Every structure is written in C-alpha cells, then in structure tokens.
Amino acid sequence: MSTLRVLQFITPAGFYGAERWVLALANNMNRDSVICDLAVTRESPEQDLSVAEYYPRSEDQQIHYLDMRGRFDIRVVKRLCDVIRNNGIDVIHTHGYKSDILGLLAAKRTGIVCVSTPHGFSGNVSFKLATFIRMGTHMLRYFDRVVPLSEELMEDMKRFKVPAHKTVFIRNGVDLTEIDAVMKKLPPDQKADSDSRVIGFIGQMIPRKNIADLIDAFDRLYKQNPDLRLQLLGDGSQRSELESQAAESGCANAVEFLGFRSDRLELLSRFSLFVMTSSLEGIPRCMMEAMAVGVPVVAYDIPGVDQLVEHGKTGMLAPFGDKAALAECCNQVLGDPALADRLSHNARELVNARFSAARMADEYESLFRKLVGEPTAASLKKKEAS
C-alpha cells in the first residue's frame, strides 16, 4: 500500500472533546501507512491551541497554522489550498461547522477527497452563530463522506438531507494508550482511594453541558455528606455564571473550579465518581476516559450516553432533568463500594471491547483508502488468502 496523506482540519474552541478526539485519532493511526498533518486556524492571541502543541509531529507529519481575521475569514480557503498542494494531501478531514465550510471549499478547489466528522451541535446560541452552523450543516451533503460520532447524529444527517450513501458510522474511541501510560506513572498512593470523596466533571462550561444541574444535585448530596467535594475541570462561556451559582449555594466551600488542566487524567483518577448532566452529546469522550481510568459514572439518560452506560451494569442513569434521581444515583454508588467496583470493572471492559481509538483509527484508514480508490488492508488480506 502507498503512504496516504491526510490533513486533519479543526478551528479550535479550546482543548475539549473534538480537539482531544483529533489527537486520539492521530496517535493511533498507523504511521507506516498514513501521514496525518494538522491544520488549525489562529484567530486571536487568547485562543487555546493546545491541540497543535500536543499533536504528534515528525519530519513528515507537520502542523500548519492558518491565520484568520476574526471568527470567520474566507481567505483561509486559499491558505488551505496551498497546504494541500504543497504537501500532496489526499484527504482533508474536517471537524466543526467552520472547518466544514472552509475545508469543503478547499477540497473542491484542489480536487481531493473530503470527509467530515460531526461532533455535535450546540443549542441556545446567538442568531449569527446559528446561521453559521446552518451553513455548515448544509455543506455536509456535498462531502464525499460524513462520519457522525453517534447513532443520534446519524439521524441528524437525515434531517440535514445528507444522502444516505454518503453517511458512515464509525464508533467513537478513546486513546487507551495515553490513559494506560499516565496511570502506570502514578504512584499507588496517588490513585483513587476509598477515602477520597470527590465528585468530578471534565468538559466545556457551555449550556448543553447543563452543569447547573450538577451543582444543584451536588448541593443536595453535600447537605447529607459534608465531606464531599465537587471538582469541575474545564472552561467556557458559562463559567462565571456557574461560579456565581455555586457561591450562592450552601455547598460553596466544597466546589472547586479548576479550569483547563494538563493533568486531567491524574485528577480524574482521584475522583470517587464522574457525573455528567448534558442535554446533548455524541458519545462523550470525557465519560469514556472516566470509564477507562476505572471511575464509576452517573449521568442523565440521553442519546449517546446510553451507548456507554447500561443502568446498574456500566454506570447509573437518571431521567433527564430529574436532579433528585441524579443525586440518589450518586448516593447509591458512593455508599456501596461493591457496586462502585462492579460498575467501574464492567465499564472498563466495555471501553476495551468497543470504544478503543486504535480500532477507530483502523476503520478511518480503511475509509480513506476506499475513497481515494486504494485497496484496504482487509481487502489485501482477503486477496492473499484466495
């Protein structure tokens, strides 16, 4: 097989699910057969470009920074075209509405294959942002393939009129090699212990994450268990609002806003419980990481989350919006070490079997090769066997 050159293109909004997903895919691609460059837009001095800082690079695998004036700049298309032509890119793989719009235009101009992976769509946004998102979803129907992260997002593609023959489902995956490497470096006394009473969450502080419900549920738990703490890792547009909510509650002294942390996996390993109250998800990476680390999970029962959590087997689920039921699920796990151990063991087994980034990367490579008209590893093995 020839070496395939792929350009991952993202307009970073921080260092969260989509950005970490791009890293996981690149870390698990077979570098003997696929070179995965990264292109990121550089939109402001304050922009978080951690995805580029952590991206694996080599003499062949490069990072391309594309300067953008303001939040959207059509001139980026020309810069993308230059990157594609100068580096012999075969496939551009986009992530998010801005990269979808700009990446599709560049792909059409240069005549290369274009693939999009939708990671989810935000609600409760401004009219201007909603307009750009609508433009991005409209563009999806013109991609060579669209690969949503969840079955629910697959259904959304029908609503966006993406032709069925252009949609492919590749199950999301988490980078187990990164997690296992971090966990091996931790001294035994730094891993989660039975005396730890930390409930935690990692992710963006934006409306669809619904963190206000988590703070309310924690307030209920704290009244009964004053030894508990709540740690919130991440940042976003709602942080100041959530900090005010926590400050006015009875649990104010027990809530910690830790912001973005490069040691998130070390902190995650100390959680007694990971709780997610999102209203909308694909298949959440932060939850997969918690399950892989061995932290029991509790969440609202929504599409995407239900692909990971089977109530009472791999975690606990509460009806969406039912904060009392959510708090009760937390109480059950915190009060029953045997239940917590069983849930975390089953969850890790599930992630190993179905949600590894290595399996995901193999499936993407096969898709890319099929689209550029090259034989896949599976087809070559079949041919050799015959």
Protein backbone atom coordinates (compact mmCIF):
# COMPACT_ATOMS: atom_id res chain seq x y z
CA MET A 1 0.00 0.00 0.00
CA SER A 2 1.16 3.53 -0.71
CA THR A 3 1.51 6.13 2.02
CA LEU A 4 -1.72 8.07 2.47
CA ARG A 5 -1.53 11.77 3.32
CA VAL A 6 -4.44 13.10 5.40
CA LEU A 7 -4.98 16.66 6.64
CA GLN A 8 -6.94 16.96 9.88
CA PHE A 9 -8.51 20.44 9.93
CA ILE A 10 -10.09 22.00 13.03
CA THR A 11 -10.83 25.52 14.24
CA PRO A 12 -10.03 25.02 17.96
CA ALA A 13 -12.56 26.25 20.51
CA GLY A 14 -10.42 25.12 23.45
CA PHE A 15 -8.99 21.73 24.34
CA TYR A 16 -12.09 19.62 24.76
CA GLY A 17 -13.86 16.69 23.15
CA ALA A 18 -13.33 17.43 19.46
CA GLU A 19 -9.74 18.56 19.90
CA ARG A 20 -8.87 15.52 22.05
CA TRP A 21 -10.62 13.29 19.51
CA VAL A 22 -8.35 14.60 16.75
CA LEU A 23 -5.33 13.83 18.93
CA ALA A 24 -6.59 10.32 19.71
CA LEU A 25 -7.08 9.57 16.02
CA ALA A 26 -3.60 10.84 15.10
CA ASN A 27 -1.95 8.98 17.99
CA ASN A 28 -3.49 5.70 16.89
CA MET A 29 -3.04 5.92 13.12
CA ASN A 30 -0.51 3.54 11.60
CA ARG A 31 2.33 5.95 10.84
CA ASP A 32 3.95 3.46 8.47
CA SER A 33 1.00 3.84 6.11
CA VAL A 34 -0.70 7.16 6.97
CA ILE A 35 0.81 10.62 7.43
CA CYS A 36 -1.66 12.82 9.31
CA ASP A 37 -0.88 16.54 9.13
CA LEU A 38 -2.87 19.01 11.23
CA ALA A 39 -4.18 22.42 10.17
CA VAL A 40 -5.57 24.83 12.77
CA THR A 41 -6.88 28.36 12.46
CA ARG A 42 -5.20 31.04 14.54
CA GLU A 43 -7.97 33.51 15.37
CA SER A 44 -6.82 35.55 18.39
CA PRO A 45 -3.89 35.83 20.81
CA GLU A 46 -6.07 34.31 23.56
CA GLN A 47 -7.08 31.24 21.53
CA ASP A 48 -6.23 27.86 23.08
CA LEU A 49 -4.11 25.97 20.55
CA SER A 50 -3.19 23.06 22.83
CA VAL A 51 -4.34 20.58 20.19
CA ALA A 52 -1.45 21.76 17.99
CA GLU A 53 1.03 21.76 20.87
CA TYR A 54 0.25 18.14 21.78
CA TYR A 55 -0.21 16.84 18.23
CA PRO A 56 2.30 14.14 17.22
CA ARG A 57 4.75 15.53 14.70
CA SER A 58 7.76 14.22 12.83
CA GLU A 59 9.89 15.12 9.84
CA ASP A 60 6.99 14.07 7.60
CA GLN A 61 3.99 14.90 9.84
CA GLN A 62 3.53 18.65 10.23
CA ILE A 63 1.38 21.31 11.88
CA HIS A 64 0.02 24.15 9.73
CA TYR A 65 -1.20 27.39 11.36
CA LEU A 66 -3.70 29.39 9.31
CA ASP A 67 -4.15 32.99 10.42
CA MET A 68 -7.79 34.08 10.46
CA ARG A 69 -9.10 37.61 10.94
CA GLY A 70 -11.99 37.44 13.40
CA ARG A 71 -14.23 34.44 13.89
CA PHE A 72 -14.62 33.64 10.18
CA ASP A 73 -12.36 34.52 7.26
CA ILE A 74 -13.00 33.11 3.77
CA ARG A 75 -9.37 33.86 2.82
CA VAL A 76 -8.37 30.81 4.85
CA VAL A 77 -9.58 28.72 1.89
CA LYS A 78 -6.65 29.88 -0.25
CA ARG A 79 -4.19 29.10 2.57
CA LEU A 80 -5.72 25.64 2.94
CA CYS A 81 -5.38 25.06 -0.80
CA ASP A 82 -1.68 25.96 -0.56
CA VAL A 83 -1.19 23.47 2.29
CA ILE A 84 -2.98 20.75 0.31
CA ARG A 85 -0.99 21.29 -2.88
CA ASN A 86 2.41 21.83 -1.22
CA ASN A 87 2.12 18.68 0.89
CA GLY A 88 0.45 16.30 -1.56
CA ILE A 89 -2.63 15.84 0.65
CA ASP A 90 -5.01 13.06 -0.47
CA VAL A 91 -7.84 13.58 2.04
CA ILE A 92 -8.99 16.53 4.14
CA HIS A 93 -10.84 15.54 7.32
CA THR A 94 -12.82 18.35 8.98
CA HIS A 95 -14.27 18.83 12.47
CA GLY A 96 -16.89 21.50 13.20
CA TYR A 97 -19.04 23.90 11.21
CA LYS A 98 -16.26 26.39 10.37
CA SER A 99 -13.80 23.75 9.27
CA ASP A 100 -16.60 22.05 7.29
CA ILE A 101 -17.33 25.22 5.31
CA LEU A 102 -13.71 26.19 4.68
CA GLY A 103 -12.46 22.63 4.22
CA LEU A 104 -15.12 21.69 1.68
CA LEU A 105 -14.36 24.76 -0.44
CA ALA A 106 -10.63 23.97 -0.37
CA ALA A 107 -11.25 20.31 -1.24
CA LYS A 108 -13.39 21.23 -4.24
CA ARG A 109 -10.81 23.71 -5.50
CA THR A 110 -7.96 21.20 -5.23
CA GLY A 111 -9.93 18.12 -6.28
CA ILE A 112 -9.18 15.97 -3.22
CA VAL A 113 -11.42 13.76 -1.08
CA CYS A 114 -13.25 15.49 1.78
CA VAL A 115 -14.58 13.77 4.93
CA SER A 116 -16.38 15.40 7.86
CA THR A 117 -16.87 14.06 11.38
CA PRO A 118 -19.70 15.94 13.16
CA HIS A 119 -19.05 16.02 16.91
CA GLY A 120 -22.40 17.50 17.97
CA PHE A 121 -24.30 20.75 17.54
CA SER A 122 -24.73 23.44 20.17
CA GLY A 123 -28.14 24.83 21.10
CA ASN A 124 -29.07 28.18 22.68
CA VAL A 125 -26.65 30.16 20.51
CA SER A 126 -26.80 33.64 19.01
CA PHE A 127 -28.54 34.26 15.69
CA LYS A 128 -25.20 34.87 13.96
CA LEU A 129 -23.67 31.64 15.25
CA ALA A 130 -26.85 29.70 14.46
CA THR A 131 -26.61 30.99 10.87
CA PHE A 132 -23.03 29.74 10.50
CA ILE A 133 -24.00 26.36 11.99
CA ARG A 134 -26.85 26.08 9.48
CA MET A 135 -24.38 26.88 6.68
CA GLY A 136 -22.05 24.19 7.97
CA THR A 137 -24.76 21.54 8.20
CA HIS A 138 -25.94 22.44 4.70
CA MET A 139 -22.42 21.88 3.37
CA LEU A 140 -22.32 18.34 4.76
CA ARG A 141 -24.40 16.98 1.87
CA TYR A 142 -21.56 17.88 -0.54
CA PHE A 143 -18.83 15.94 1.29
CA ASP A 144 -17.60 12.61 -0.06
CA ARG A 145 -18.40 11.03 3.31
CA VAL A 146 -19.86 12.23 6.61
CA VAL A 147 -18.96 10.14 9.67
CA PRO A 148 -21.02 11.13 12.74
CA LEU A 149 -19.89 10.08 16.21
CA SER A 150 -23.19 8.56 17.37
CA GLU A 151 -26.39 6.95 16.14
CA GLU A 152 -28.30 10.09 17.11
CA LEU A 153 -26.02 12.22 14.95
CA MET A 154 -26.58 9.71 12.14
CA GLU A 155 -30.29 10.51 12.43
CA ASP A 156 -29.48 14.22 12.33
CA MET A 157 -27.81 13.69 8.96
CA LYS A 158 -31.20 12.66 7.53
CA ARG A 159 -32.67 15.90 8.84
CA PHE A 160 -29.82 17.83 7.19
CA LYS A 161 -30.57 15.98 3.91
CA VAL A 162 -27.16 14.33 3.72
CA PRO A 163 -27.56 11.46 1.22
CA ALA A 164 -27.66 8.08 2.96
CA HIS A 165 -24.92 6.65 0.73
CA LYS A 166 -22.58 9.39 1.97
CA THR A 167 -23.01 8.66 5.69
CA VAL A 168 -20.88 6.08 7.50
CA PHE A 169 -20.93 5.23 11.19
CA ILE A 170 -17.58 4.63 12.87
CA ARG A 171 -17.93 4.18 16.60
CA ASN A 172 -16.11 6.72 18.75
CA GLY A 173 -12.98 5.63 20.59
CA VAL A 174 -10.78 6.73 23.46
CA ASP A 175 -6.98 6.69 23.48
CA LEU A 176 -6.26 3.81 25.86
CA THR A 177 -2.51 4.01 25.22
CA GLU A 178 -2.42 7.56 26.62
CA ILE A 179 -4.57 6.64 29.62
CA ASP A 180 -2.64 3.48 30.48
CA ALA A 181 0.70 5.29 30.17
CA VAL A 182 -0.43 8.01 32.60
CA MET A 183 -1.90 5.51 35.06
CA LYS A 184 1.32 3.45 35.13
CA LYS A 185 3.32 6.54 36.12
CA LEU A 186 1.11 7.29 39.13
CA PRO A 187 2.41 6.04 42.49
CA PRO A 188 -0.13 3.61 44.04
CA ASP A 189 -0.97 6.08 46.82
CA GLN A 190 -1.92 8.74 44.25
CA LYS A 191 -4.57 6.62 42.54
CA ALA A 192 -8.18 6.87 43.66
CA ASP A 193 -8.51 5.50 47.20
CA SER A 194 -11.51 4.53 49.26
CA ASP A 195 -11.21 7.60 51.47
CA SER A 196 -11.50 10.01 48.56
CA ARG A 197 -14.85 11.77 48.34
CA VAL A 198 -14.56 13.77 45.15
CA ILE A 199 -17.33 14.05 42.58
CA GLY A 200 -16.00 15.40 39.33
CA PHE A 201 -16.72 16.53 35.80
CA ILE A 202 -14.42 17.37 32.87
CA GLY A 203 -15.65 19.32 29.86
CA GLN A 204 -16.74 22.62 28.42
CA MET A 205 -18.79 25.00 30.55
CA ILE A 206 -21.43 25.69 27.93
CA PRO A 207 -25.25 25.45 28.02
CA ARG A 208 -25.64 21.94 26.58
CA LYS A 209 -23.40 20.52 29.32
CA ASN A 210 -26.09 21.61 31.80
CA ILE A 211 -23.60 21.94 34.67
CA ALA A 212 -26.08 24.00 36.70
CA ASP A 213 -27.99 20.75 37.34
CA LEU A 214 -24.81 19.08 38.56
CA ILE A 215 -24.20 21.89 41.06
CA ASP A 216 -27.81 21.65 42.28
CA ALA A 217 -27.57 17.87 42.65
CA PHE A 218 -24.26 18.22 44.48
CA ASP A 219 -25.84 20.74 46.85
CA ARG A 220 -28.40 18.06 47.81
CA LEU A 221 -25.64 15.50 48.36
CA TYR A 222 -23.48 17.91 50.35
CA LYS A 223 -26.24 18.53 52.88
CA GLN A 224 -26.20 14.83 53.71
CA ASN A 225 -22.43 14.28 53.21
CA PRO A 226 -20.42 17.38 54.15
CA ASP A 227 -17.14 15.57 53.45
CA LEU A 228 -17.86 15.62 49.70
CA ARG A 229 -16.16 17.93 47.21
CA LEU A 230 -17.07 18.80 43.64
CA GLN A 231 -14.27 19.43 41.14
CA LEU A 232 -15.10 20.96 37.77
CA LEU A 233 -12.35 20.86 35.14
CA GLY A 234 -12.72 22.97 32.03
CA ASP A 235 -13.71 26.42 30.91
CA GLY A 236 -16.28 28.09 28.71
CA SER A 237 -18.87 30.81 28.27
CA GLN A 238 -20.87 29.82 31.36
CA ARG A 239 -18.04 29.61 33.87
CA SER A 240 -18.68 32.93 35.62
CA GLU A 241 -22.42 32.21 35.78
CA LEU A 242 -21.76 28.78 37.30
CA GLU A 243 -19.25 30.21 39.77
CA SER A 244 -21.94 32.66 40.94
CA GLN A 245 -24.46 29.83 41.29
CA ALA A 246 -22.02 27.80 43.40
CA ALA A 247 -21.08 30.81 45.54
CA GLU A 248 -24.74 31.41 46.43
CA SER A 249 -25.40 27.78 47.36
CA GLY A 250 -24.87 26.00 50.65
CA CYS A 251 -22.02 23.97 49.17
CA ALA A 252 -19.94 26.99 48.10
CA ASN A 253 -16.82 25.98 50.05
CA ALA A 254 -16.87 22.46 48.58
CA VAL A 255 -16.97 23.38 44.87
CA GLU A 256 -13.69 23.88 43.00
CA PHE A 257 -13.43 25.37 39.51
CA LEU A 258 -10.05 24.14 38.30
CA GLY A 259 -10.16 25.42 34.71
CA PHE A 260 -8.24 23.67 31.96
CA ARG A 261 -5.69 21.22 33.38
CA SER A 262 -2.97 19.36 31.52
CA ASP A 263 -3.01 16.77 34.35
CA ARG A 264 -6.71 15.97 33.86
CA LEU A 265 -6.14 12.19 33.85
CA GLU A 266 -4.23 12.32 37.14
CA LEU A 267 -7.06 14.35 38.69
CA LEU A 268 -9.67 12.10 37.12
CA SER A 269 -8.05 9.06 38.71
CA ARG A 270 -8.76 10.58 42.16
CA PHE A 271 -12.48 11.05 41.52
CA SER A 272 -14.83 8.83 43.51
CA LEU A 273 -17.49 9.48 40.90
CA PHE A 274 -17.75 11.11 37.47
CA VAL A 275 -21.11 12.82 36.83
CA MET A 276 -22.46 14.15 33.52
CA THR A 277 -25.66 16.19 33.19
CA SER A 278 -25.52 17.07 29.48
CA SER A 279 -28.65 17.64 27.41
CA LEU A 280 -26.87 16.72 24.15
CA GLU A 281 -23.85 14.55 23.39
CA GLY A 282 -22.32 12.40 20.71
CA ILE A 283 -20.57 9.64 22.60
CA PRO A 284 -18.79 11.69 25.27
CA ARG A 285 -15.02 11.31 25.32
CA CYS A 286 -14.65 12.56 28.90
CA MET A 287 -17.02 9.82 30.08
CA MET A 288 -15.12 7.18 28.13
CA GLU A 289 -11.91 8.39 29.78
CA ALA A 290 -13.50 8.10 33.23
CA MET A 291 -14.66 4.56 32.44
CA ALA A 292 -11.20 3.62 31.11
CA VAL A 293 -9.50 5.01 34.22
CA GLY A 294 -11.82 2.98 36.44
CA VAL A 295 -14.00 5.74 37.89
CA PRO A 296 -17.73 4.87 38.22
CA VAL A 297 -20.06 7.13 36.24
CA VAL A 298 -23.52 8.62 36.81
CA ALA A 299 -25.35 10.58 34.13
CA TYR A 300 -28.63 11.76 32.70
CA ASP A 301 -30.12 9.21 30.32
CA ILE A 302 -29.75 10.84 26.89
CA PRO A 303 -28.83 9.52 23.42
CA GLY A 304 -25.09 8.99 23.12
CA VAL A 305 -24.61 8.49 26.84
CA ASP A 306 -26.89 5.45 26.62
CA GLN A 307 -24.37 3.87 24.24
CA LEU A 308 -21.87 3.79 27.12
CA VAL A 309 -23.98 3.40 30.24
CA GLU A 310 -26.28 0.48 30.90
CA HIS A 311 -28.06 1.31 34.16
CA GLY A 312 -26.79 -0.80 37.01
CA LYS A 313 -24.15 -2.53 34.86
CA THR A 314 -21.65 0.03 33.49
CA GLY A 315 -22.93 3.06 35.39
CA MET A 316 -26.09 4.66 36.73
CA LEU A 317 -28.66 6.68 34.76
CA ALA A 318 -31.27 9.20 35.89
CA PRO A 319 -34.10 10.64 33.76
CA PHE A 320 -33.03 13.88 32.10
CA GLY A 321 -33.71 16.87 34.34
CA ASP A 322 -34.51 14.80 37.44
CA LYS A 323 -31.95 16.20 39.86
CA ALA A 324 -33.35 14.26 42.81
CA ALA A 325 -32.96 10.97 40.94
CA LEU A 326 -29.46 12.01 39.86
CA ALA A 327 -28.46 12.70 43.46
CA GLU A 328 -29.93 9.36 44.55
CA CYS A 329 -27.89 7.51 41.91
CA CYS A 330 -24.77 9.26 43.24
CA ASN A 331 -25.67 8.29 46.79
CA GLN A 332 -26.08 4.65 45.80
CA VAL A 333 -22.64 4.45 44.23
CA LEU A 334 -20.88 6.46 46.95
CA GLY A 335 -22.49 4.37 49.68
CA ASP A 336 -21.81 0.95 48.16
CA PRO A 337 -18.13 0.21 47.37
CA ALA A 338 -19.02 -3.19 45.91
CA LEU A 339 -21.43 -1.55 43.46
CA ALA A 340 -18.84 1.07 42.55
CA ASP A 341 -16.22 -1.62 41.86
CA ARG A 342 -18.62 -3.68 39.76
CA LEU A 343 -19.70 -0.68 37.67
CA SER A 344 -16.14 0.51 37.05
CA HIS A 345 -14.91 -3.00 36.14
CA ASN A 346 -17.74 -3.55 33.65
CA ALA A 347 -17.25 -0.07 32.19
CA ARG A 348 -13.53 -0.62 31.53
CA GLU A 349 -14.32 -3.95 29.86
CA LEU A 350 -16.86 -2.22 27.60
CA VAL A 351 -14.40 0.50 26.58
CA ASN A 352 -11.69 -2.08 25.85
CA ALA A 353 -14.03 -4.14 23.68
CA ARG A 354 -15.92 -1.48 21.73
CA PHE A 355 -14.51 2.02 22.18
CA SER A 356 -10.74 1.96 21.61
CA ALA A 357 -9.16 4.65 19.42
CA ALA A 358 -6.93 2.00 17.80
CA ARG A 359 -9.98 0.24 16.34
CA MET A 360 -11.43 3.62 15.32
CA ALA A 361 -8.22 4.66 13.53
CA ASP A 362 -8.10 1.39 11.56
CA GLU A 363 -11.66 1.95 10.36
CA TYR A 364 -10.89 5.53 9.30
CA GLU A 365 -7.82 4.44 7.38
CA SER A 366 -9.91 1.84 5.53
CA LEU A 367 -12.50 4.50 4.70
CA PHE A 368 -9.88 6.98 3.45
CA ARG A 369 -8.26 4.35 1.23
CA LYS A 370 -11.59 3.30 -0.20
CA LEU A 371 -12.40 6.91 -1.08
CA VAL A 372 -9.10 7.51 -2.87
CA GLY A 373 -9.51 4.22 -4.74
CA GLU A 374 -6.79 2.25 -2.99
CA PRO A 375 -7.13 -1.27 -1.58
CA THR A 376 -7.63 -1.56 2.18
CA ALA A 377 -5.61 -3.84 4.45
CA ALA A 378 -8.64 -6.10 4.85
CA SER A 379 -9.14 -6.44 1.09
CA LEU A 380 -5.45 -7.22 0.56
CA LYS A 381 -5.56 -9.97 3.20
CA LYS A 382 -8.66 -11.42 1.55
CA LYS A 383 -6.91 -11.39 -1.83
CA GLU A 384 -3.81 -13.08 -0.39
CA ALA A 385 -5.96 -15.76 1.26
CA SER A 386 -7.67 -16.59 -2.03
